[in-house]
Amino acid sequence: METNHLDKQNFFDLGNLDSLRKEALTSGDASTDASKAALKKAAAQFEAIFTQMLLKGMRKANEAFEDKDSPFNSSGVKFFEEMHDQQLSTELSSNGSLGLADLIVQQLSPESKNFMPGSVLRTTNDIFSDTQVGSALPHEQKNKQPDLIVKSTKADIAEPKVDTSEAKADSPTFKNAEEFVSSVWEHAKTAAQKIGLNPAVMVAQAALETGWGKHIINKSDGGSSNNLFNIKSDKSWEGDKASKITLEFEQGTPVKKQASFRAYDSIKDSVNDFVDFLTQNPRYKEALQNTAKPNDFLDSLQKAGYATDPNYASKIKKVLNSSQLKDIAANVIRQGVE
């Protein structure tokens, strides 16, 4: 975003605020270029004020270490320091140093649509419900059109690979991809039949989410959560839980966050709950209508907000269409594990 709208402005020039008010009143439609320009200027002005508050707070905190008898701590020096900080805040904003103005524009822009908060993702909450788990902002609750902050786990952004090394002691004993598919396939086949889905699609998604079973989330006691699809737990979940720091994509940027996930007694329970999770959530209706077409199913799953990674569906497709999974699945079926 261009930030030269504060160039050559003075913090003490009250005419700047008046000009912003006039531009906001005369810009008309929020989608016009004039309105967008006014929004950028107002956001930058707010950033300047916020920056000045930060600087003032830092000066105040530093007073405990100051020498009261020093000539550099006189009232005159402090007066000019405050003037300097106020003008510095304007200069920093004009250079876009903090980036706060960009975020404000993204939040307030009428073009910022199709967002939902991470609190509704992979939980049983209705996407447009006011009773969502988490801290929704007031304007999100009022409009019932949340911001898209899509959940993504570490396994979402890492391509699953066959790892022949020994599994960790607190993880399921999947030594390689072949063992993982053999253990999951039978349960996936039974569960997938309920919604008319190819079990290979479910196995491919579980492989991506857990890195072929190498990165299944553990509970606090070190036991496995058996959560193959990284479904979050909310207040409606009455079963065991497992907490883990994950990566969530917020407007394209990966951010680390602590999240709570469902924990199961077995892999079979995890697979069955995944199907129940999809069928009991209205926002996955379109995905369930496309189960006969794996690519469309995965695209609809991502569109509904199952994960934030913008490449989530394409990554699952890559695993699904890989010769690795096809060969392993063919071998499992040939051995009678169906």
C-alpha atoms as a PDB file:
ATOM      1  CA  MET A   1       0.000   0.000   0.000  1.00  0.00           C
ATOM      2  CA  GLU A   2       1.277   3.445  -0.837  1.00  0.00           C
ATOM      3  CA  THR A   3       1.921   5.509   2.285  1.00  0.00           C
ATOM      4  CA  ASN A   4       3.098   8.804   0.858  1.00  0.00           C
ATOM      5  CA  HIS A   5      -0.197  10.425   1.844  1.00  0.00           C
ATOM      6  CA  LEU A   6       1.428  11.625   5.092  1.00  0.00           C
ATOM      7  CA  ASP A   7       4.525  13.012   3.415  1.00  0.00           C
ATOM      8  CA  LYS A   8       5.422  16.526   4.514  1.00  0.00           C
ATOM      9  CA  GLN A   9       2.626  16.545   7.089  1.00  0.00           C
ATOM     10  CA  ASN A  10       3.110  17.930  10.560  1.00  0.00           C
ATOM     11  CA  PHE A  11       1.768  16.170  13.636  1.00  0.00           C
ATOM     12  CA  PHE A  12       0.470  19.477  15.010  1.00  0.00           C
ATOM     13  CA  ASP A  13      -1.374  20.473  11.847  1.00  0.00           C
ATOM     14  CA  LEU A  14      -5.030  20.055  12.851  1.00  0.00           C
ATOM     15  CA  GLY A  15      -6.004  20.765   9.264  1.00  0.00           C
ATOM     16  CA  ASN A  16      -4.961  17.216   8.396  1.00  0.00           C
ATOM     17  CA  LEU A  17      -7.768  15.741  10.475  1.00  0.00           C
ATOM     18  CA  ASP A  18     -10.248  18.195   9.020  1.00  0.00           C
ATOM     19  CA  SER A  19      -9.195  17.279   5.481  1.00  0.00           C
ATOM     20  CA  LEU A  20      -9.687  13.592   6.275  1.00  0.00           C
ATOM     21  CA  ARG A  21     -13.182  14.334   7.517  1.00  0.00           C
ATOM     22  CA  LYS A  22     -14.044  16.261   4.353  1.00  0.00           C
ATOM     23  CA  GLU A  23     -12.674  13.533   2.092  1.00  0.00           C
ATOM     24  CA  ALA A  24     -14.691  10.880   3.934  1.00  0.00           C
ATOM     25  CA  LEU A  25     -17.887  12.921   3.540  1.00  0.00           C
ATOM     26  CA  THR A  26     -17.366  13.700  -0.139  1.00  0.00           C
ATOM     27  CA  SER A  27     -15.977  10.350  -1.313  1.00  0.00           C
ATOM     28  CA  GLY A  28     -19.453   8.875  -1.769  1.00  0.00           C
ATOM     29  CA  ASP A  29     -19.603   5.167  -2.626  1.00  0.00           C
ATOM     30  CA  ALA A  30     -17.200   3.084  -0.523  1.00  0.00           C
ATOM     31  CA  SER A  31     -16.013   1.264  -3.635  1.00  0.00           C
ATOM     32  CA  THR A  32     -14.784   4.403  -5.410  1.00  0.00           C
ATOM     33  CA  ASP A  33     -11.120   5.304  -5.719  1.00  0.00           C
ATOM     34  CA  ALA A  34     -11.699   8.487  -3.691  1.00  0.00           C
ATOM     35  CA  SER A  35     -13.166   6.498  -0.821  1.00  0.00           C
ATOM     36  CA  LYS A  36     -10.298   4.014  -0.911  1.00  0.00           C
ATOM     37  CA  ALA A  37      -7.797   6.861  -0.813  1.00  0.00           C
ATOM     38  CA  ALA A  38      -9.589   8.415   2.152  1.00  0.00           C
ATOM     39  CA  LEU A  39      -9.533   5.065   3.957  1.00  0.00           C
ATOM     40  CA  LYS A  40      -5.776   4.759   3.416  1.00  0.00           C
ATOM     41  CA  LYS A  41      -5.166   8.257   4.748  1.00  0.00           C
ATOM     42  CA  ALA A  42      -7.341   7.680   7.807  1.00  0.00           C
ATOM     43  CA  ALA A  43      -5.602   4.367   8.501  1.00  0.00           C
ATOM     44  CA  ALA A  44      -2.173   5.997   8.240  1.00  0.00           C
ATOM     45  CA  GLN A  45      -3.271   8.806  10.550  1.00  0.00           C
ATOM     46  CA  PHE A  46      -4.447   6.258  13.105  1.00  0.00           C
ATOM     47  CA  GLU A  47      -1.133   4.423  12.793  1.00  0.00           C
ATOM     48  CA  ALA A  48       0.695   7.685  13.517  1.00  0.00           C
ATOM     49  CA  ILE A  49      -1.390   8.278  16.648  1.00  0.00           C
ATOM     50  CA  PHE A  50      -0.853   4.693  17.802  1.00  0.00           C
ATOM     51  CA  THR A  51       2.905   4.970  17.219  1.00  0.00           C
ATOM     52  CA  GLN A  52       3.034   8.171  19.242  1.00  0.00           C
ATOM     53  CA  MET A  53       1.271   6.380  22.110  1.00  0.00           C
ATOM     54  CA  LEU A  54       3.886   3.626  21.976  1.00  0.00           C
ATOM     55  CA  LEU A  55       6.736   6.107  22.113  1.00  0.00           C
ATOM     56  CA  LYS A  56       5.096   7.980  24.974  1.00  0.00           C
ATOM     57  CA  GLY A  57       4.657   4.745  26.898  1.00  0.00           C
ATOM     58  CA  MET A  58       8.298   3.823  26.433  1.00  0.00           C
ATOM     59  CA  ARG A  59       9.415   7.244  27.643  1.00  0.00           C
ATOM     60  CA  LYS A  60       7.180   6.887  30.688  1.00  0.00           C
ATOM     61  CA  ALA A  61       8.558   3.434  31.519  1.00  0.00           C
ATOM     62  CA  ASN A  62      12.109   4.759  31.304  1.00  0.00           C
ATOM     63  CA  GLU A  63      11.485   7.477  33.909  1.00  0.00           C
ATOM     64  CA  ALA A  64      12.271   5.026  36.724  1.00  0.00           C
ATOM     65  CA  PHE A  65      15.899   4.888  35.557  1.00  0.00           C
ATOM     66  CA  GLU A  66      16.388   8.591  34.975  1.00  0.00           C
ATOM     67  CA  ASP A  67      18.598  10.853  37.063  1.00  0.00           C
ATOM     68  CA  LYS A  68      16.313  13.586  38.341  1.00  0.00           C
ATOM     69  CA  ASP A  69      19.229  15.979  38.741  1.00  0.00           C
ATOM     70  CA  SER A  70      20.483  15.566  35.193  1.00  0.00           C
ATOM     71  CA  PRO A  71      20.046  18.597  32.905  1.00  0.00           C
ATOM     72  CA  PHE A  72      18.860  16.196  30.214  1.00  0.00           C
ATOM     73  CA  ASN A  73      15.755  15.458  32.251  1.00  0.00           C
ATOM     74  CA  SER A  74      14.533  19.006  32.620  1.00  0.00           C
ATOM     75  CA  SER A  75      11.002  19.976  31.660  1.00  0.00           C
ATOM     76  CA  GLY A  76      12.308  21.839  28.626  1.00  0.00           C
ATOM     77  CA  VAL A  77      14.141  18.781  27.305  1.00  0.00           C
ATOM     78  CA  LYS A  78      11.083  16.596  27.865  1.00  0.00           C
ATOM     79  CA  PHE A  79       8.952  19.103  25.982  1.00  0.00           C
ATOM     80  CA  PHE A  80      11.142  18.888  22.909  1.00  0.00           C
ATOM     81  CA  GLU A  81      11.428  15.097  23.263  1.00  0.00           C
ATOM     82  CA  GLU A  82       7.657  14.852  23.120  1.00  0.00           C
ATOM     83  CA  MET A  83       7.537  17.079  20.049  1.00  0.00           C
ATOM     84  CA  HIS A  84      10.213  14.916  18.420  1.00  0.00           C
ATOM     85  CA  ASP A  85       8.338  11.704  19.202  1.00  0.00           C
ATOM     86  CA  GLN A  86       5.083  13.070  17.846  1.00  0.00           C
ATOM     87  CA  GLN A  87       6.650  14.106  14.568  1.00  0.00           C
ATOM     88  CA  LEU A  88       8.621  10.839  14.408  1.00  0.00           C
ATOM     89  CA  SER A  89       5.379   8.862  14.641  1.00  0.00           C
ATOM     90  CA  THR A  90       4.092  10.698  11.575  1.00  0.00           C
ATOM     91  CA  GLU A  91       7.302  10.013   9.668  1.00  0.00           C
ATOM     92  CA  LEU A  92       7.235   6.315  10.549  1.00  0.00           C
ATOM     93  CA  SER A  93       3.659   6.046   9.383  1.00  0.00           C
ATOM     94  CA  SER A  94       4.444   7.801   6.116  1.00  0.00           C
ATOM     95  CA  ASN A  95       7.111   5.167   5.440  1.00  0.00           C
ATOM     96  CA  GLY A  96       4.818   2.283   6.324  1.00  0.00           C
ATOM     97  CA  SER A  97       7.348   1.056   8.882  1.00  0.00           C
ATOM     98  CA  LEU A  98       4.855  -0.671  11.168  1.00  0.00           C
ATOM     99  CA  GLY A  99       2.382  -1.925   8.592  1.00  0.00           C
ATOM    100  CA  LEU A 100      -0.564  -1.263  10.905  1.00  0.00           C
ATOM    101  CA  ALA A 101      -2.239   0.972   8.337  1.00  0.00           C
ATOM    102  CA  ASP A 102      -2.194  -1.878   5.809  1.00  0.00           C
ATOM    103  CA  LEU A 103      -3.990  -4.147   8.249  1.00  0.00           C
ATOM    104  CA  ILE A 104      -6.595  -1.501   9.013  1.00  0.00           C
ATOM    105  CA  VAL A 105      -7.295  -1.027   5.309  1.00  0.00           C
ATOM    106  CA  GLN A 106      -7.682  -4.796   4.842  1.00  0.00           C
ATOM    107  CA  GLN A 107     -10.109  -5.026   7.734  1.00  0.00           C
ATOM    108  CA  LEU A 108     -12.243  -2.021   6.786  1.00  0.00           C
ATOM    109  CA  SER A 109     -12.140  -2.323   3.018  1.00  0.00           C
ATOM    110  CA  PRO A 110     -15.524  -3.252   1.491  1.00  0.00           C
ATOM    111  CA  GLU A 111     -13.625  -5.675  -0.764  1.00  0.00           C
ATOM    112  CA  SER A 112     -12.487  -7.779   2.215  1.00  0.00           C
ATOM    113  CA  LYS A 113     -14.974 -10.627   1.883  1.00  0.00           C
ATOM    114  CA  ASN A 114     -14.961 -14.406   2.233  1.00  0.00           C
ATOM    115  CA  PHE A 115     -13.111 -14.370   5.563  1.00  0.00           C
ATOM    116  CA  MET A 116     -13.899 -16.560   8.576  1.00  0.00           C
ATOM    117  CA  PRO A 117     -12.212 -16.741  11.993  1.00  0.00           C
ATOM    118  CA  GLY A 118      -9.981 -19.659  12.875  1.00  0.00           C
ATOM    119  CA  SER A 119     -12.285 -20.423  15.826  1.00  0.00           C
ATOM    120  CA  VAL A 120     -14.908 -21.931  13.495  1.00  0.00           C
ATOM    121  CA  LEU A 121     -12.554 -24.072  11.467  1.00  0.00           C
ATOM    122  CA  ARG A 122     -12.669 -27.816  12.018  1.00  0.00           C
ATOM    123  CA  THR A 123     -15.108 -27.400  14.872  1.00  0.00           C
ATOM    124  CA  THR A 124     -18.828 -28.074  15.109  1.00  0.00           C
ATOM    125  CA  ASN A 125     -19.735 -24.381  15.119  1.00  0.00           C
ATOM    126  CA  ASP A 126     -21.934 -23.016  12.387  1.00  0.00           C
ATOM    127  CA  ILE A 127     -19.889 -20.683  10.224  1.00  0.00           C
ATOM    128  CA  PHE A 128     -22.379 -17.824  10.600  1.00  0.00           C
ATOM    129  CA  SER A 129     -23.280 -18.437  14.236  1.00  0.00           C
ATOM    130  CA  ASP A 130     -22.883 -15.778  16.929  1.00  0.00           C
ATOM    131  CA  THR A 131     -21.974 -18.524  19.408  1.00  0.00           C
ATOM    132  CA  GLN A 132     -18.658 -19.370  17.823  1.00  0.00           C
ATOM    133  CA  VAL A 133     -15.864 -20.584  20.048  1.00  0.00           C
ATOM    134  CA  GLY A 134     -13.108 -18.022  20.398  1.00  0.00           C
ATOM    135  CA  SER A 135     -13.053 -14.266  20.553  1.00  0.00           C
ATOM    136  CA  ALA A 136     -14.944 -12.872  17.578  1.00  0.00           C
ATOM    137  CA  LEU A 137     -14.761  -9.137  17.095  1.00  0.00           C
ATOM    138  CA  PRO A 138     -17.914  -7.066  17.570  1.00  0.00           C
ATOM    139  CA  HIS A 139     -18.252  -6.197  13.899  1.00  0.00           C
ATOM    140  CA  GLU A 140     -17.904  -9.891  13.025  1.00  0.00           C
ATOM    141  CA  GLN A 141     -20.737 -10.819  15.377  1.00  0.00           C
ATOM    142  CA  LYS A 142     -22.973  -8.053  14.086  1.00  0.00           C
ATOM    143  CA  ASN A 143     -22.560  -8.839  10.419  1.00  0.00           C
ATOM    144  CA  LYS A 144     -22.181 -12.571  10.937  1.00  0.00           C
ATOM    145  CA  GLN A 145     -19.590 -12.534   8.175  1.00  0.00           C
ATOM    146  CA  PRO A 146     -16.324 -13.489   9.891  1.00  0.00           C
ATOM    147  CA  ASP A 147     -12.780 -13.050   8.658  1.00  0.00           C
ATOM    148  CA  LEU A 148     -11.077 -15.986   7.059  1.00  0.00           C
ATOM    149  CA  ILE A 149      -8.289 -17.058   9.310  1.00  0.00           C
ATOM    150  CA  VAL A 150      -7.892 -20.605   8.196  1.00  0.00           C
ATOM    151  CA  LYS A 151      -6.367 -23.239  10.452  1.00  0.00           C
ATOM    152  CA  SER A 152      -3.416 -25.130   9.131  1.00  0.00           C
ATOM    153  CA  THR A 153      -1.198 -27.577  10.920  1.00  0.00           C
ATOM    154  CA  LYS A 154       2.485 -28.249  10.477  1.00  0.00           C
ATOM    155  CA  ALA A 155       1.591 -31.248   8.357  1.00  0.00           C
ATOM    156  CA  ASP A 156      -0.478 -28.998   6.062  1.00  0.00           C
ATOM    157  CA  ILE A 157       2.552 -27.134   4.773  1.00  0.00           C
ATOM    158  CA  ALA A 158       4.973 -30.027   4.631  1.00  0.00           C
ATOM    159  CA  GLU A 159       4.826 -32.511   1.799  1.00  0.00           C
ATOM    160  CA  PRO A 160       4.425 -36.001   3.246  1.00  0.00           C
ATOM    161  CA  LYS A 161       7.423 -38.214   2.606  1.00  0.00           C
ATOM    162  CA  VAL A 162       8.252 -41.803   3.364  1.00  0.00           C
ATOM    163  CA  ASP A 163      10.400 -41.848   6.471  1.00  0.00           C
ATOM    164  CA  THR A 164      12.089 -45.165   7.276  1.00  0.00           C
ATOM    165  CA  SER A 165      13.512 -43.936  10.584  1.00  0.00           C
ATOM    166  CA  GLU A 166      12.160 -45.196  13.889  1.00  0.00           C
ATOM    167  CA  ALA A 167       9.013 -43.454  15.102  1.00  0.00           C
ATOM    168  CA  LYS A 168       9.111 -41.491  18.304  1.00  0.00           C
ATOM    169  CA  ALA A 169       8.216 -43.376  21.439  1.00  0.00           C
ATOM    170  CA  ASP A 170       5.160 -41.225  22.105  1.00  0.00           C
ATOM    171  CA  SER A 171       3.817 -41.598  18.562  1.00  0.00           C
ATOM    172  CA  PRO A 172       2.033 -44.478  16.828  1.00  0.00           C
ATOM    173  CA  THR A 173       4.486 -47.029  15.545  1.00  0.00           C
ATOM    174  CA  PHE A 174       4.257 -46.270  11.843  1.00  0.00           C
ATOM    175  CA  LYS A 175       7.719 -46.990  10.517  1.00  0.00           C
ATOM    176  CA  ASN A 176       6.875 -46.042   6.946  1.00  0.00           C
ATOM    177  CA  ALA A 177       4.102 -45.102   4.556  1.00  0.00           C
ATOM    178  CA  GLU A 178       3.267 -48.722   3.777  1.00  0.00           C
ATOM    179  CA  GLU A 179       2.563 -49.471   7.420  1.00  0.00           C
ATOM    180  CA  PHE A 180       0.495 -46.309   7.799  1.00  0.00           C
ATOM    181  CA  VAL A 181      -1.724 -47.078   4.792  1.00  0.00           C
ATOM    182  CA  SER A 182      -2.130 -50.714   5.860  1.00  0.00           C
ATOM    183  CA  SER A 183      -3.344 -49.601   9.296  1.00  0.00           C
ATOM    184  CA  VAL A 184      -5.705 -46.916   8.043  1.00  0.00           C
ATOM    185  CA  TRP A 185      -7.086 -48.416   4.838  1.00  0.00           C
ATOM    186  CA  GLU A 186      -9.611 -50.834   6.313  1.00  0.00           C
ATOM    187  CA  HIS A 187     -11.138 -48.195   8.591  1.00  0.00           C
ATOM    188  CA  ALA A 188     -11.107 -45.588   5.828  1.00  0.00           C
ATOM    189  CA  LYS A 189     -12.861 -47.964   3.427  1.00  0.00           C
ATOM    190  CA  THR A 190     -15.670 -48.669   5.886  1.00  0.00           C
ATOM    191  CA  ALA A 191     -16.143 -45.010   6.839  1.00  0.00           C
ATOM    192  CA  ALA A 192     -15.849 -43.693   3.275  1.00  0.00           C
ATOM    193  CA  GLN A 193     -18.683 -45.950   2.135  1.00  0.00           C
ATOM    194  CA  LYS A 194     -21.061 -43.933   4.310  1.00  0.00           C
ATOM    195  CA  ILE A 195     -20.597 -40.849   2.140  1.00  0.00           C
ATOM    196  CA  GLY A 196     -19.687 -42.506  -1.161  1.00  0.00           C
ATOM    197  CA  LEU A 197     -16.046 -41.425  -1.080  1.00  0.00           C
ATOM    198  CA  ASN A 198     -13.039 -43.267  -2.437  1.00  0.00           C
ATOM    199  CA  PRO A 199     -11.085 -44.417   0.642  1.00  0.00           C
ATOM    200  CA  ALA A 200      -7.859 -43.397  -1.077  1.00  0.00           C
ATOM    201  CA  VAL A 201      -8.956 -39.763  -0.799  1.00  0.00           C
ATOM    202  CA  MET A 202      -9.376 -40.097   2.947  1.00  0.00           C
ATOM    203  CA  VAL A 203      -6.036 -41.868   3.310  1.00  0.00           C
ATOM    204  CA  ALA A 204      -4.290 -39.199   1.218  1.00  0.00           C
ATOM    205  CA  GLN A 205      -5.704 -36.442   3.415  1.00  0.00           C
ATOM    206  CA  ALA A 206      -4.665 -38.267   6.586  1.00  0.00           C
ATOM    207  CA  ALA A 207      -1.200 -38.787   5.108  1.00  0.00           C
ATOM    208  CA  LEU A 208      -0.850 -35.070   4.449  1.00  0.00           C
ATOM    209  CA  GLU A 209      -2.169 -34.072   7.851  1.00  0.00           C
ATOM    210  CA  THR A 210       0.114 -36.416   9.772  1.00  0.00           C
ATOM    211  CA  GLY A 211       3.098 -36.910   7.457  1.00  0.00           C
ATOM    212  CA  TRP A 212       2.224 -40.585   6.875  1.00  0.00           C
ATOM    213  CA  GLY A 213       1.476 -41.018  10.583  1.00  0.00           C
ATOM    214  CA  LYS A 214       4.795 -39.574  11.765  1.00  0.00           C
ATOM    215  CA  HIS A 215       3.352 -36.363  13.247  1.00  0.00           C
ATOM    216  CA  ILE A 216       0.117 -37.352  14.961  1.00  0.00           C
ATOM    217  CA  ILE A 217      -0.600 -34.968  17.829  1.00  0.00           C
ATOM    218  CA  ASN A 218       0.126 -36.359  21.288  1.00  0.00           C
ATOM    219  CA  LYS A 219      -1.875 -35.856  24.468  1.00  0.00           C
ATOM    220  CA  SER A 220      -0.404 -34.334  27.608  1.00  0.00           C
ATOM    221  CA  ASP A 221       0.401 -37.794  28.984  1.00  0.00           C
ATOM    222  CA  GLY A 222       2.466 -38.608  25.892  1.00  0.00           C
ATOM    223  CA  GLY A 223      -0.115 -40.930  24.385  1.00  0.00           C
ATOM    224  CA  SER A 224      -1.292 -40.517  20.829  1.00  0.00           C
ATOM    225  CA  SER A 225      -4.442 -38.528  20.107  1.00  0.00           C
ATOM    226  CA  ASN A 226      -5.043 -40.763  17.066  1.00  0.00           C
ATOM    227  CA  ASN A 227      -6.351 -37.608  15.354  1.00  0.00           C
ATOM    228  CA  LEU A 228      -5.568 -38.247  11.685  1.00  0.00           C
ATOM    229  CA  PHE A 229      -7.410 -35.193  10.359  1.00  0.00           C
ATOM    230  CA  ASN A 230      -6.424 -32.573  12.941  1.00  0.00           C
ATOM    231  CA  ILE A 231      -9.977 -31.703  13.897  1.00  0.00           C
ATOM    232  CA  LYS A 232     -10.129 -29.054  16.617  1.00  0.00           C
ATOM    233  CA  SER A 233     -12.054 -29.534  19.820  1.00  0.00           C
ATOM    234  CA  ASP A 234     -14.552 -26.933  20.972  1.00  0.00           C
ATOM    235  CA  LYS A 235     -16.819 -26.695  24.007  1.00  0.00           C
ATOM    236  CA  SER A 236     -19.271 -29.125  22.409  1.00  0.00           C
ATOM    237  CA  TRP A 237     -16.618 -31.863  22.311  1.00  0.00           C
ATOM    238  CA  GLU A 238     -16.937 -34.101  25.367  1.00  0.00           C
ATOM    239  CA  GLY A 239     -14.070 -36.466  24.626  1.00  0.00           C
ATOM    240  CA  ASP A 240     -10.359 -36.276  25.376  1.00  0.00           C
ATOM    241  CA  LYS A 241      -8.288 -33.398  24.045  1.00  0.00           C
ATOM    242  CA  ALA A 242      -4.727 -32.746  22.971  1.00  0.00           C
ATOM    243  CA  SER A 243      -3.040 -29.350  22.835  1.00  0.00           C
ATOM    244  CA  LYS A 244      -0.389 -28.365  20.314  1.00  0.00           C
ATOM    245  CA  ILE A 245       1.237 -25.301  18.783  1.00  0.00           C
ATOM    246  CA  THR A 246       0.242 -25.207  15.122  1.00  0.00           C
ATOM    247  CA  LEU A 247       0.696 -23.005  12.091  1.00  0.00           C
ATOM    248  CA  GLU A 248      -2.367 -21.104  10.973  1.00  0.00           C
ATOM    249  CA  PHE A 249      -2.491 -19.052   7.805  1.00  0.00           C
ATOM    250  CA  GLU A 250      -3.824 -15.566   8.470  1.00  0.00           C
ATOM    251  CA  GLN A 251      -4.321 -13.725   5.193  1.00  0.00           C
ATOM    252  CA  GLY A 252      -1.575 -15.771   3.574  1.00  0.00           C
ATOM    253  CA  THR A 253       0.912 -15.469   6.449  1.00  0.00           C
ATOM    254  CA  PRO A 254       1.731 -18.493   8.649  1.00  0.00           C
ATOM    255  CA  VAL A 255       1.324 -17.719  12.359  1.00  0.00           C
ATOM    256  CA  LYS A 256       2.060 -19.997  15.321  1.00  0.00           C
ATOM    257  CA  LYS A 257      -0.896 -20.541  17.658  1.00  0.00           C
ATOM    258  CA  GLN A 258      -1.805 -22.846  20.524  1.00  0.00           C
ATOM    259  CA  ALA A 259      -4.805 -24.980  19.629  1.00  0.00           C
ATOM    260  CA  SER A 260      -6.851 -27.769  21.190  1.00  0.00           C
ATOM    261  CA  PHE A 261      -7.618 -30.902  19.170  1.00  0.00           C
ATOM    262  CA  ARG A 262      -9.863 -33.909  19.577  1.00  0.00           C
ATOM    263  CA  ALA A 263      -8.325 -37.105  20.905  1.00  0.00           C
ATOM    264  CA  TYR A 264      -9.590 -40.617  20.170  1.00  0.00           C
ATOM    265  CA  ASP A 265      -9.123 -44.072  21.625  1.00  0.00           C
ATOM    266  CA  SER A 266      -8.243 -45.533  18.242  1.00  0.00           C
ATOM    267  CA  ILE A 267      -7.611 -44.724  14.606  1.00  0.00           C
ATOM    268  CA  LYS A 268     -10.980 -46.247  13.778  1.00  0.00           C
ATOM    269  CA  ASP A 269     -12.703 -43.698  16.026  1.00  0.00           C
ATOM    270  CA  SER A 270     -10.796 -40.872  14.329  1.00  0.00           C
ATOM    271  CA  VAL A 271     -11.814 -41.960  10.842  1.00  0.00           C
ATOM    272  CA  ASN A 272     -15.454 -42.426  11.825  1.00  0.00           C
ATOM    273  CA  ASP A 273     -15.550 -39.050  13.574  1.00  0.00           C
ATOM    274  CA  PHE A 274     -14.137 -37.390  10.458  1.00  0.00           C
ATOM    275  CA  VAL A 275     -17.141 -38.628   8.476  1.00  0.00           C
ATOM    276  CA  ASP A 276     -19.528 -37.586  11.257  1.00  0.00           C
ATOM    277  CA  PHE A 277     -17.830 -34.198  11.408  1.00  0.00           C
ATOM    278  CA  LEU A 278     -18.485 -33.590   7.714  1.00  0.00           C
ATOM    279  CA  THR A 279     -22.067 -34.856   7.725  1.00  0.00           C
ATOM    280  CA  GLN A 280     -23.051 -32.903  10.844  1.00  0.00           C
ATOM    281  CA  ASN A 281     -21.711 -29.539   9.626  1.00  0.00           C
ATOM    282  CA  PRO A 282     -23.913 -27.753   7.062  1.00  0.00           C
ATOM    283  CA  ARG A 283     -20.972 -25.880   5.564  1.00  0.00           C
ATOM    284  CA  TYR A 284     -19.619 -29.153   4.115  1.00  0.00           C
ATOM    285  CA  LYS A 285     -22.846 -29.898   2.243  1.00  0.00           C
ATOM    286  CA  GLU A 286     -21.303 -29.016  -1.109  1.00  0.00           C
ATOM    287  CA  ALA A 287     -18.295 -31.238  -0.440  1.00  0.00           C
ATOM    288  CA  LEU A 288     -20.550 -34.189   0.396  1.00  0.00           C
ATOM    289  CA  GLN A 289     -22.393 -33.666  -2.864  1.00  0.00           C
ATOM    290  CA  ASN A 290     -19.096 -34.073  -4.740  1.00  0.00           C
ATOM    291  CA  THR A 291     -17.784 -37.251  -3.113  1.00  0.00           C
ATOM    292  CA  ALA A 292     -17.997 -39.101  -6.431  1.00  0.00           C
ATOM    293  CA  LYS A 293     -15.484 -36.610  -7.847  1.00  0.00           C
ATOM    294  CA  PRO A 294     -12.405 -36.528  -5.595  1.00  0.00           C
ATOM    295  CA  ASN A 295     -10.956 -33.309  -7.017  1.00  0.00           C
ATOM    296  CA  ASP A 296     -14.250 -31.452  -6.626  1.00  0.00           C
ATOM    297  CA  PHE A 297     -14.669 -32.897  -3.134  1.00  0.00           C
ATOM    298  CA  LEU A 298     -11.271 -31.614  -2.022  1.00  0.00           C
ATOM    299  CA  ASP A 299     -11.832 -28.200  -3.602  1.00  0.00           C
ATOM    300  CA  SER A 300     -15.196 -27.892  -1.839  1.00  0.00           C
ATOM    301  CA  LEU A 301     -13.620 -29.000   1.441  1.00  0.00           C
ATOM    302  CA  GLN A 302     -11.078 -26.196   1.264  1.00  0.00           C
ATOM    303  CA  LYS A 303     -13.677 -23.694   0.090  1.00  0.00           C
ATOM    304  CA  ALA A 304     -15.798 -24.511   3.145  1.00  0.00           C
ATOM    305  CA  GLY A 305     -12.876 -23.580   5.385  1.00  0.00           C
ATOM    306  CA  TYR A 306     -11.461 -26.930   6.488  1.00  0.00           C
ATOM    307  CA  ALA A 307      -7.912 -25.543   6.327  1.00  0.00           C
ATOM    308  CA  THR A 308      -6.251 -22.201   5.749  1.00  0.00           C
ATOM    309  CA  ASP A 309      -3.357 -23.306   3.614  1.00  0.00           C
ATOM    310  CA  PRO A 310      -4.259 -21.889   0.165  1.00  0.00           C
ATOM    311  CA  ASN A 311      -2.692 -24.982  -1.399  1.00  0.00           C
ATOM    312  CA  TYR A 312      -4.349 -27.484   0.925  1.00  0.00           C
ATOM    313  CA  ALA A 313      -6.540 -29.166  -1.706  1.00  0.00           C
ATOM    314  CA  SER A 314      -3.781 -29.292  -4.311  1.00  0.00           C
ATOM    315  CA  LYS A 315      -1.407 -30.902  -1.800  1.00  0.00           C
ATOM    316  CA  ILE A 316      -3.879 -33.674  -1.055  1.00  0.00           C
ATOM    317  CA  LYS A 317      -4.390 -34.208  -4.786  1.00  0.00           C
ATOM    318  CA  LYS A 318      -0.642 -34.501  -5.204  1.00  0.00           C
ATOM    319  CA  VAL A 319      -0.510 -37.243  -2.586  1.00  0.00           C
ATOM    320  CA  LEU A 320      -3.620 -38.924  -3.998  1.00  0.00           C
ATOM    321  CA  ASN A 321      -2.227 -39.026  -7.534  1.00  0.00           C
ATOM    322  CA  SER A 322       1.284 -39.998  -6.504  1.00  0.00           C
ATOM    323  CA  SER A 323       2.662 -43.328  -7.633  1.00  0.00           C
ATOM    324  CA  GLN A 324       3.673 -43.893  -4.021  1.00  0.00           C
ATOM    325  CA  LEU A 325       0.120 -44.033  -2.672  1.00  0.00           C
ATOM    326  CA  LYS A 326      -1.197 -45.877  -5.718  1.00  0.00           C
ATOM    327  CA  ASP A 327       1.429 -48.612  -5.406  1.00  0.00           C
ATOM    328  CA  ILE A 328       0.934 -48.969  -1.661  1.00  0.00           C
ATOM    329  CA  ALA A 329      -2.867 -49.077  -1.989  1.00  0.00           C
ATOM    330  CA  ALA A 330      -2.678 -51.657  -4.756  1.00  0.00           C
ATOM    331  CA  ASN A 331      -0.403 -53.805  -2.623  1.00  0.00           C
ATOM    332  CA  VAL A 332      -2.687 -53.478   0.421  1.00  0.00           C
ATOM    333  CA  ILE A 333      -5.730 -54.482  -1.603  1.00  0.00           C
ATOM    334  CA  ARG A 334      -3.827 -57.364  -3.183  1.00  0.00           C
ATOM    335  CA  GLN A 335      -2.944 -58.658   0.273  1.00  0.00           C
ATOM    336  CA  GLY A 336      -6.607 -58.649   1.222  1.00  0.00           C
ATOM    337  CA  VAL A 337      -6.608 -55.678   3.605  1.00  0.00           C
ATOM    338  CA  GLU A 338      -9.813 -54.184   2.306  1.00  0.00           C
END
